[in-house]
PDB file of N, CA and C in Angstrom:
ATOM      1  N   MET A   1       7.822 -25.147  -5.641  1.00  0.00           N
ATOM      2  CA  MET A   1       6.485 -24.959  -5.174  1.00  0.00           C
ATOM      3  C   MET A   1       6.164 -23.686  -5.279  1.00  0.00           C
ATOM      4  N   LYS A   2       5.322 -23.126  -6.001  1.00  0.00           N
ATOM      5  CA  LYS A   2       4.691 -21.583  -6.313  1.00  0.00           C
ATOM      6  C   LYS A   2       4.453 -21.033  -4.846  1.00  0.00           C
ATOM      7  N   ASN A   3       4.832 -19.862  -4.846  1.00  0.00           N
ATOM      8  CA  ASN A   3       4.281 -18.434  -3.845  1.00  0.00           C
ATOM      9  C   ASN A   3       3.033 -18.074  -4.028  1.00  0.00           C
ATOM     10  N   THR A   4       1.835 -18.616  -3.539  1.00  0.00           N
ATOM     11  CA  THR A   4       0.828 -18.098  -3.798  1.00  0.00           C
ATOM     12  C   THR A   4      -0.094 -17.143  -2.886  1.00  0.00           C
ATOM     13  N   ARG A   5       0.952 -16.515  -2.213  1.00  0.00           N
ATOM     14  CA  ARG A   5       0.355 -15.702  -1.439  1.00  0.00           C
ATOM     15  C   ARG A   5      -0.275 -14.371  -1.903  1.00  0.00           C
ATOM     16  N   ARG A   6      -1.283 -13.892  -1.500  1.00  0.00           N
ATOM     17  CA  ARG A   6      -2.036 -12.331  -2.199  1.00  0.00           C
ATOM     18  C   ARG A   6      -1.177 -11.571  -2.318  1.00  0.00           C
ATOM     19  N   ARG A   7      -1.240 -10.829  -3.140  1.00  0.00           N
ATOM     20  CA  ARG A   7      -0.475  -9.517  -3.432  1.00  0.00           C
ATOM     21  C   ARG A   7      -1.327  -8.733  -3.863  1.00  0.00           C
ATOM     22  N   LEU A   8      -1.330  -7.299  -3.219  1.00  0.00           N
ATOM     23  CA  LEU A   8      -2.059  -6.046  -3.681  1.00  0.00           C
ATOM     24  C   LEU A   8      -1.080  -4.887  -3.830  1.00  0.00           C
ATOM     25  N   SER A   9      -1.634  -3.885  -4.613  1.00  0.00           N
ATOM     26  CA  SER A   9      -0.778  -2.838  -4.622  1.00  0.00           C
ATOM     27  C   SER A   9      -1.425  -1.491  -4.443  1.00  0.00           C
ATOM     28  N   GLY A  10      -0.822  -0.687  -3.680  1.00  0.00           N
ATOM     29  CA  GLY A  10      -1.681   0.723  -2.904  1.00  0.00           C
ATOM     30  C   GLY A  10      -0.619   1.772  -3.109  1.00  0.00           C
ATOM     31  N   VAL A  11      -1.206   2.853  -2.223  1.00  0.00           N
ATOM     32  CA  VAL A  11      -0.327   4.089  -1.906  1.00  0.00           C
ATOM     33  C   VAL A  11      -0.173   4.061  -0.461  1.00  0.00           C
ATOM     34  N   VAL A  12       1.204   4.543  -0.098  1.00  0.00           N
ATOM     35  CA  VAL A  12       1.313   4.688   1.558  1.00  0.00           C
ATOM     36  C   VAL A  12       0.790   5.771   1.484  1.00  0.00           C
ATOM     37  N   ILE A  13      -0.209   5.716   2.942  1.00  0.00           N
ATOM     38  CA  ILE A  13      -0.848   7.352   3.230  1.00  0.00           C
ATOM     39  C   ILE A  13      -0.209   7.617   4.682  1.00  0.00           C
ATOM     40  N   SER A  14       0.438   6.765   5.389  1.00  0.00           N
ATOM     41  CA  SER A  14       0.901   7.132   6.836  1.00  0.00           C
ATOM     42  C   SER A  14       2.013   6.401   6.798  1.00  0.00           C
ATOM     43  N   ASN A  15       3.094   6.856   7.422  1.00  0.00           N
ATOM     44  CA  ASN A  15       4.079   6.335   7.851  1.00  0.00           C
ATOM     45  C   ASN A  15       4.695   6.818   9.229  1.00  0.00           C
ATOM     46  N   LYS A  16       3.969   7.377  10.375  1.00  0.00           N
ATOM     47  CA  LYS A  16       4.326   7.635  11.499  1.00  0.00           C
ATOM     48  C   LYS A  16       4.869   6.642  12.736  1.00  0.00           C
ATOM     49  N   MET A  17       4.373   5.355  12.081  1.00  0.00           N
ATOM     50  CA  MET A  17       4.685   4.319  13.234  1.00  0.00           C
ATOM     51  C   MET A  17       6.018   3.706  13.051  1.00  0.00           C
ATOM     52  N   GLN A  18       6.626   2.961  14.113  1.00  0.00           N
ATOM     53  CA  GLN A  18       7.929   2.435  13.557  1.00  0.00           C
ATOM     54  C   GLN A  18       7.587   1.039  12.945  1.00  0.00           C
ATOM     55  N   LYS A  19       8.346   0.875  11.706  1.00  0.00           N
ATOM     56  CA  LYS A  19       8.269  -0.205  11.005  1.00  0.00           C
ATOM     57  C   LYS A  19       6.851  -0.736  10.349  1.00  0.00           C
ATOM     58  N   THR A  20       5.866   0.176  10.497  1.00  0.00           N
ATOM     59  CA  THR A  20       4.649  -0.028  10.135  1.00  0.00           C
ATOM     60  C   THR A  20       3.979   1.123   9.279  1.00  0.00           C
ATOM     61  N   VAL A  21       3.418   1.031   8.045  1.00  0.00           N
ATOM     62  CA  VAL A  21       3.020   1.884   7.230  1.00  0.00           C
ATOM     63  C   VAL A  21       1.236   1.667   6.971  1.00  0.00           C
ATOM     64  N   THR A  22       0.352   2.454   6.781  1.00  0.00           N
ATOM     65  CA  THR A  22      -0.631   2.370   6.450  1.00  0.00           C
ATOM     66  C   THR A  22      -0.866   2.670   4.738  1.00  0.00           C
ATOM     67  N   VAL A  23      -1.307   1.314   4.249  1.00  0.00           N
ATOM     68  CA  VAL A  23      -1.109   1.482   2.911  1.00  0.00           C
ATOM     69  C   VAL A  23      -2.708   1.707   2.223  1.00  0.00           C
ATOM     70  N   GLU A  24      -3.225   2.202   1.515  1.00  0.00           N
ATOM     71  CA  GLU A  24      -4.698   2.860   1.046  1.00  0.00           C
ATOM     72  C   GLU A  24      -4.643   1.877  -0.487  1.00  0.00           C
ATOM     73  N   ILE A  25      -5.685   0.905  -0.188  1.00  0.00           N
ATOM     74  CA  ILE A  25      -5.782  -0.138  -1.439  1.00  0.00           C
ATOM     75  C   ILE A  25      -7.075   0.408  -2.158  1.00  0.00           C
ATOM     76  N   THR A  26      -7.131   0.690  -3.529  1.00  0.00           N
ATOM     77  CA  THR A  26      -8.631   1.604  -4.400  1.00  0.00           C
ATOM     78  C   THR A  26      -8.742   0.788  -5.279  1.00  0.00           C
ATOM     79  N   ARG A  27     -10.036   0.381  -5.278  1.00  0.00           N
ATOM     80  CA  ARG A  27     -10.775  -0.745  -6.252  1.00  0.00           C
ATOM     81  C   ARG A  27     -11.772  -0.069  -7.265  1.00  0.00           C
ATOM     82  N   ARG A  28     -11.908  -0.134  -8.315  1.00  0.00           N
ATOM     83  CA  ARG A  28     -12.918   0.478  -9.150  1.00  0.00           C
ATOM     84  C   ARG A  28     -13.271  -0.439  -9.725  1.00  0.00           C
ATOM     85  N   TYR A  29     -14.725  -0.727  -9.836  1.00  0.00           N
ATOM     86  CA  TYR A  29     -15.729  -1.592 -10.461  1.00  0.00           C
ATOM     87  C   TYR A  29     -17.026  -0.969 -11.063  1.00  0.00           C
ATOM     88  N   ARG A  30     -17.988  -1.615 -11.737  1.00  0.00           N
ATOM     89  CA  ARG A  30     -19.055  -1.142 -12.049  1.00  0.00           C
ATOM     90  C   ARG A  30     -20.385  -1.750 -11.605  1.00  0.00           C
ATOM     91  N   HIS A  31     -21.069  -0.783 -11.116  1.00  0.00           N
ATOM     92  CA  HIS A  31     -22.424  -1.164  -9.906  1.00  0.00           C
ATOM     93  C   HIS A  31     -23.118  -2.088 -10.754  1.00  0.00           C
ATOM     94  N   PRO A  32     -23.543  -3.216 -10.352  1.00  0.00           N
ATOM     95  CA  PRO A  32     -24.206  -4.416 -11.024  1.00  0.00           C
ATOM     96  C   PRO A  32     -25.483  -3.759 -11.573  1.00  0.00           C
ATOM     97  N   LEU A  33     -26.290  -2.994 -10.621  1.00  0.00           N
ATOM     98  CA  LEU A  33     -27.287  -2.531 -11.051  1.00  0.00           C
ATOM     99  C   LEU A  33     -27.665  -1.333 -12.022  1.00  0.00           C
ATOM    100  N   TYR A  34     -27.095  -0.470 -11.287  1.00  0.00           N
ATOM    101  CA  TYR A  34     -26.830   1.057 -12.125  1.00  0.00           C
ATOM    102  C   TYR A  34     -25.697   1.316 -13.253  1.00  0.00           C
ATOM    103  N   HIS A  35     -24.697   0.314 -13.075  1.00  0.00           N
ATOM    104  CA  HIS A  35     -23.827   0.420 -14.144  1.00  0.00           C
ATOM    105  C   HIS A  35     -22.871   1.757 -13.754  1.00  0.00           C
ATOM    106  N   LYS A  36     -23.026   2.182 -12.913  1.00  0.00           N
ATOM    107  CA  LYS A  36     -22.136   3.488 -12.466  1.00  0.00           C
ATOM    108  C   LYS A  36     -20.436   2.869 -11.971  1.00  0.00           C
ATOM    109  N   ILE A  37     -19.637   3.381 -12.391  1.00  0.00           N
ATOM    110  CA  ILE A  37     -18.231   2.983 -12.044  1.00  0.00           C
ATOM    111  C   ILE A  37     -18.227   3.681 -10.449  1.00  0.00           C
ATOM    112  N   VAL A  38     -17.869   2.628  -9.545  1.00  0.00           N
ATOM    113  CA  VAL A  38     -17.922   3.083  -7.970  1.00  0.00           C
ATOM    114  C   VAL A  38     -16.328   2.677  -7.674  1.00  0.00           C
ATOM    115  N   THR A  39     -15.652   3.748  -6.986  1.00  0.00           N
ATOM    116  CA  THR A  39     -14.554   3.638  -6.370  1.00  0.00           C
ATOM    117  C   THR A  39     -14.653   3.203  -4.772  1.00  0.00           C
ATOM    118  N   SER A  40     -13.839   2.280  -4.499  1.00  0.00           N
ATOM    119  CA  SER A  40     -14.030   1.974  -2.789  1.00  0.00           C
ATOM    120  C   SER A  40     -12.399   1.699  -2.524  1.00  0.00           C
ATOM    121  N   ALA A  41     -11.973   2.180  -0.965  1.00  0.00           N
ATOM    122  CA  ALA A  41     -11.036   2.403  -0.834  1.00  0.00           C
ATOM    123  C   ALA A  41     -10.960   1.861   0.593  1.00  0.00           C
ATOM    124  N   LYS A  42      -9.517   0.891   0.902  1.00  0.00           N
ATOM    125  CA  LYS A  42      -9.435   0.000   2.193  1.00  0.00           C
ATOM    126  C   LYS A  42      -8.288   0.494   2.675  1.00  0.00           C
ATOM    127  N   THR A  43      -7.798   0.430   4.089  1.00  0.00           N
ATOM    128  CA  THR A  43      -6.743   0.836   4.490  1.00  0.00           C
ATOM    129  C   THR A  43      -6.006  -0.150   4.956  1.00  0.00           C
ATOM    130  N   ILE A  44      -4.902  -0.795   4.760  1.00  0.00           N
ATOM    131  CA  ILE A  44      -4.396  -1.581   5.321  1.00  0.00           C
ATOM    132  C   ILE A  44      -2.939  -1.432   6.222  1.00  0.00           C
ATOM    133  N   LYS A  45      -2.799  -2.009   7.399  1.00  0.00           N
ATOM    134  CA  LYS A  45      -1.761  -1.589   7.750  1.00  0.00           C
ATOM    135  C   LYS A  45      -0.292  -2.947   7.597  1.00  0.00           C
ATOM    136  N   ALA A  46       0.530  -2.305   7.143  1.00  0.00           N
ATOM    137  CA  ALA A  46       1.987  -3.101   6.626  1.00  0.00           C
ATOM    138  C   ALA A  46       3.011  -3.335   7.178  1.00  0.00           C
ATOM    139  N   HIS A  47       3.869  -4.309   7.464  1.00  0.00           N
ATOM    140  CA  HIS A  47       5.048  -3.967   8.072  1.00  0.00           C
ATOM    141  C   HIS A  47       6.026  -3.844   6.988  1.00  0.00           C
ATOM    142  N   ASP A  48       6.891  -2.922   7.031  1.00  0.00           N
ATOM    143  CA  ASP A  48       7.968  -2.069   6.664  1.00  0.00           C
ATOM    144  C   ASP A  48       9.074  -2.234   7.013  1.00  0.00           C
ATOM    145  N   GLU A  49      10.071  -2.713   6.227  1.00  0.00           N
ATOM    146  CA  GLU A  49      11.486  -2.794   6.611  1.00  0.00           C
ATOM    147  C   GLU A  49      12.273  -2.010   5.170  1.00  0.00           C
ATOM    148  N   LEU A  50      11.422  -1.641   4.485  1.00  0.00           N
ATOM    149  CA  LEU A  50      12.374  -0.949   3.161  1.00  0.00           C
ATOM    150  C   LEU A  50      12.092   0.792   3.455  1.00  0.00           C
ATOM    151  N   ASP A  51      11.482   1.271   4.435  1.00  0.00           N
ATOM    152  CA  ASP A  51      11.705   2.642   4.683  1.00  0.00           C
ATOM    153  C   ASP A  51      10.878   3.470   3.723  1.00  0.00           C
ATOM    154  N   CYS A  52       9.826   3.125   3.744  1.00  0.00           N
ATOM    155  CA  CYS A  52       8.549   3.880   2.859  1.00  0.00           C
ATOM    156  C   CYS A  52       8.323   5.196   3.500  1.00  0.00           C
ATOM    157  N   ASN A  53       7.834   6.255   2.127  1.00  0.00           N
ATOM    158  CA  ASN A  53       7.591   7.425   2.358  1.00  0.00           C
ATOM    159  C   ASN A  53       6.429   7.764   2.207  1.00  0.00           C
ATOM    160  N   ILE A  54       5.495   8.743   2.637  1.00  0.00           N
ATOM    161  CA  ILE A  54       4.205   8.944   2.256  1.00  0.00           C
ATOM    162  C   ILE A  54       4.014   9.357   0.461  1.00  0.00           C
ATOM    163  N   GLY A  55       3.007   8.526   0.378  1.00  0.00           N
ATOM    164  CA  GLY A  55       3.055   8.875  -1.405  1.00  0.00           C
ATOM    165  C   GLY A  55       3.512   7.716  -2.348  1.00  0.00           C
ATOM    166  N   ASP A  56       4.465   6.834  -1.861  1.00  0.00           N
ATOM    167  CA  ASP A  56       5.046   5.919  -2.544  1.00  0.00           C
ATOM    168  C   ASP A  56       3.963   4.799  -2.878  1.00  0.00           C
ATOM    169  N   GLU A  57       4.131   4.132  -4.094  1.00  0.00           N
ATOM    170  CA  GLU A  57       3.001   3.177  -4.521  1.00  0.00           C
ATOM    171  C   GLU A  57       4.038   1.958  -4.049  1.00  0.00           C
ATOM    172  N   VAL A  58       3.281   0.992  -3.294  1.00  0.00           N
ATOM    173  CA  VAL A  58       4.130  -0.393  -2.786  1.00  0.00           C
ATOM    174  C   VAL A  58       3.336  -1.378  -3.481  1.00  0.00           C
ATOM    175  N   THR A  59       3.949  -2.597  -3.282  1.00  0.00           N
ATOM    176  CA  THR A  59       3.263  -3.699  -3.386  1.00  0.00           C
ATOM    177  C   THR A  59       3.480  -4.423  -2.130  1.00  0.00           C
ATOM    178  N   ILE A  60       2.015  -5.078  -1.328  1.00  0.00           N
ATOM    179  CA  ILE A  60       2.200  -5.588  -0.315  1.00  0.00           C
ATOM    180  C   ILE A  60       1.850  -7.037  -0.376  1.00  0.00           C
ATOM    181  N   VAL A  61       2.385  -8.098   0.294  1.00  0.00           N
ATOM    182  CA  VAL A  61       2.220  -9.574   0.430  1.00  0.00           C
ATOM    183  C   VAL A  61       1.550  -9.974   1.760  1.00  0.00           C
ATOM    184  N   GLU A  62       0.639 -11.202   1.576  1.00  0.00           N
ATOM    185  CA  GLU A  62       0.014 -11.423   2.727  1.00  0.00           C
ATOM    186  C   GLU A  62       1.165 -12.370   3.623  1.00  0.00           C
ATOM    187  N   THR A  63       1.112 -12.295   5.200  1.00  0.00           N
ATOM    188  CA  THR A  63       2.096 -12.870   6.046  1.00  0.00           C
ATOM    189  C   THR A  63       1.263 -13.639   6.882  1.00  0.00           C
ATOM    190  N   ARG A  64       1.876 -14.228   7.799  1.00  0.00           N
ATOM    191  CA  ARG A  64       1.513 -14.664   8.894  1.00  0.00           C
ATOM    192  C   ARG A  64       1.228 -13.439   9.983  1.00  0.00           C
ATOM    193  N   PRO A  65       0.419 -13.259  10.592  1.00  0.00           N
ATOM    194  CA  PRO A  65      -0.211 -12.181  12.029  1.00  0.00           C
ATOM    195  C   PRO A  65       1.140 -11.842  12.401  1.00  0.00           C
ATOM    196  N   ILE A  66       1.788 -10.435  12.293  1.00  0.00           N
ATOM    197  CA  ILE A  66       2.963  -9.838  12.969  1.00  0.00           C
ATOM    198  C   ILE A  66       2.653  -9.414  14.067  1.00  0.00           C
ATOM    199  N   SER A  67       1.567  -8.534  14.129  1.00  0.00           N
ATOM    200  CA  SER A  67       0.974  -8.378  15.445  1.00  0.00           C
ATOM    201  C   SER A  67      -0.843  -8.128  15.448  1.00  0.00           C
ATOM    202  N   LYS A  68      -1.498  -7.185  16.329  1.00  0.00           N
ATOM    203  CA  LYS A  68      -2.950  -7.447  16.440  1.00  0.00           C
ATOM    204  C   LYS A  68      -3.530  -7.061  15.067  1.00  0.00           C
ATOM    205  N   THR A  69      -2.791  -6.155  14.371  1.00  0.00           N
ATOM    206  CA  THR A  69      -3.514  -5.412  13.028  1.00  0.00           C
ATOM    207  C   THR A  69      -2.777  -5.567  11.729  1.00  0.00           C
ATOM    208  N   LYS A  70      -1.680  -6.220  12.145  1.00  0.00           N
ATOM    209  CA  LYS A  70      -0.773  -6.184  10.903  1.00  0.00           C
ATOM    210  C   LYS A  70      -0.652  -7.866  10.281  1.00  0.00           C
ATOM    211  N   ARG A  71      -1.034  -7.659   8.938  1.00  0.00           N
ATOM    212  CA  ARG A  71      -1.083  -9.086   8.495  1.00  0.00           C
ATOM    213  C   ARG A  71      -0.410  -9.234   7.179  1.00  0.00           C
ATOM    214  N   TRP A  72       0.461  -8.107   6.713  1.00  0.00           N
ATOM    215  CA  TRP A  72       0.761  -7.854   5.421  1.00  0.00           C
ATOM    216  C   TRP A  72       2.065  -7.210   5.675  1.00  0.00           C
ATOM    217  N   ALA A  73       2.876  -7.311   4.725  1.00  0.00           N
ATOM    218  CA  ALA A  73       4.123  -6.869   4.512  1.00  0.00           C
ATOM    219  C   ALA A  73       4.289  -6.191   3.065  1.00  0.00           C
ATOM    220  N   VAL A  74       5.556  -5.077   3.371  1.00  0.00           N
ATOM    221  CA  VAL A  74       5.608  -4.309   2.102  1.00  0.00           C
ATOM    222  C   VAL A  74       6.825  -5.163   1.478  1.00  0.00           C
ATOM    223  N   GLU A  75       6.382  -5.630   0.096  1.00  0.00           N
ATOM    224  CA  GLU A  75       7.186  -6.734  -0.645  1.00  0.00           C
ATOM    225  C   GLU A  75       8.325  -5.726  -1.426  1.00  0.00           C
ATOM    226  N   GLU A  76       7.677  -4.924  -2.196  1.00  0.00           N
ATOM    227  CA  GLU A  76       8.693  -3.717  -2.838  1.00  0.00           C
ATOM    228  C   GLU A  76       7.949  -2.259  -3.051  1.00  0.00           C
ATOM    229  N   ILE A  77       8.821  -1.664  -3.297  1.00  0.00           N
ATOM    230  CA  ILE A  77       8.235   0.021  -3.692  1.00  0.00           C
ATOM    231  C   ILE A  77       8.623  -0.007  -5.406  1.00  0.00           C
ATOM    232  N   THR A  78       7.171   0.021  -5.587  1.00  0.00           N
ATOM    233  CA  THR A  78       6.854  -0.102  -7.105  1.00  0.00           C
ATOM    234  C   THR A  78       7.369   1.347  -7.674  1.00  0.00           C
ATOM    235  N   LYS A  79       6.961   2.805  -6.973  1.00  0.00           N
ATOM    236  CA  LYS A  79       7.116   3.971  -7.715  1.00  0.00           C
ATOM    237  C   LYS A  79       7.460   4.690  -6.436  1.00  0.00           C
ATOM    238  N   ARG A  80       8.619   5.571  -6.307  1.00  0.00           N
ATOM    239  CA  ARG A  80       8.721   6.507  -5.264  1.00  0.00           C
ATOM    240  C   ARG A  80       8.284   7.965  -5.512  1.00  0.00           C
ATOM    241  N   ASN A  81       7.623   8.475  -4.506  1.00  0.00           N
ATOM    242  CA  ASN A  81       7.017   9.729  -4.714  1.00  0.00           C
ATOM    243  C   ASN A  81       8.385  10.880  -4.559  1.00  0.00           C
ATOM    244  N   GLN A  82       8.121  11.875  -5.315  1.00  0.00           N
ATOM    245  CA  GLN A  82       9.039  12.821  -5.614  1.00  0.00           C
ATOM    246  C   GLN A  82       8.622  14.212  -4.637  1.00  0.00           C
ATOM    247  N   ARG A  83       9.148  14.545  -3.799  1.00  0.00           N
ATOM    248  CA  ARG A  83       8.621  15.390  -2.804  1.00  0.00           C
ATOM    249  C   ARG A  83       9.403  16.703  -3.213  1.00  0.00           C
ATOM    250  N   ALA A  84       8.773  17.964  -2.780  1.00  0.00           N
ATOM    251  CA  ALA A  84       9.259  19.041  -3.367  1.00  0.00           C
ATOM    252  C   ALA A  84      10.973  19.688  -2.882  1.00  0.00           C
ATOM    253  N   GLU A  85      10.850  19.057  -1.452  1.00  0.00           N
ATOM    254  CA  GLU A  85      12.285  19.327  -0.915  1.00  0.00           C
ATOM    255  C   GLU A  85      13.711  18.347  -1.589  1.00  0.00           C
ATOM    256  N   ASP A  86      12.858  17.603  -2.023  1.00  0.00           N
ATOM    257  CA  ASP A  86      13.909  16.213  -2.714  1.00  0.00           C
ATOM    258  C   ASP A  86      14.707  16.715  -3.944  1.00  0.00           C
ATOM    259  N   ILE A  87      13.649  17.392  -4.944  1.00  0.00           N
ATOM    260  CA  ILE A  87      13.746  17.712  -6.276  1.00  0.00           C
ATOM    261  C   ILE A  87      15.345  18.627  -6.301  1.00  0.00           C
ATOM    262  N   PRO A  88      16.284  18.582  -6.711  1.00  0.00           N
ATOM    263  CA  PRO A  88      17.297  19.813  -6.841  1.00  0.00           C
ATOM    264  C   PRO A  88      16.898  20.865  -7.404  1.00  0.00           C
ATOM    265  N   GLU A  89      17.192  22.025  -7.247  1.00  0.00           N
ATOM    266  CA  GLU A  89      16.951  23.207  -8.202  1.00  0.00           C
ATOM    267  C   GLU A  89      17.800  23.391  -9.330  1.00  0.00           C
ATOM    268  N   ALA A  90      17.026  23.548 -10.230  1.00  0.00           N
ATOM    269  CA  ALA A  90      18.261  23.960 -11.574  1.00  0.00           C
ATOM    270  C   ALA A  90      18.543  25.527 -11.726  1.00  0.00           C
TER     271      ALA A  90
END
């Protein structure tokens, strides 16, 4: 049986909670009447077992309700963010 749960990708904007991250999902589309490119953003709280950091690009998957606000879980970290203190000096 195929897994048909919804999957979205976004950027982690907060990781101050325990085992929870806030992910910003951005979407670009053309306005139907004015034909201008519109960018909309939505923030989603997701369960995090992978220890994500701010700026990481992640894929989140829809799950059962975990708490009052969490209905998503981090499935994988697509791209890690390179912070200045993590980069070795040459």
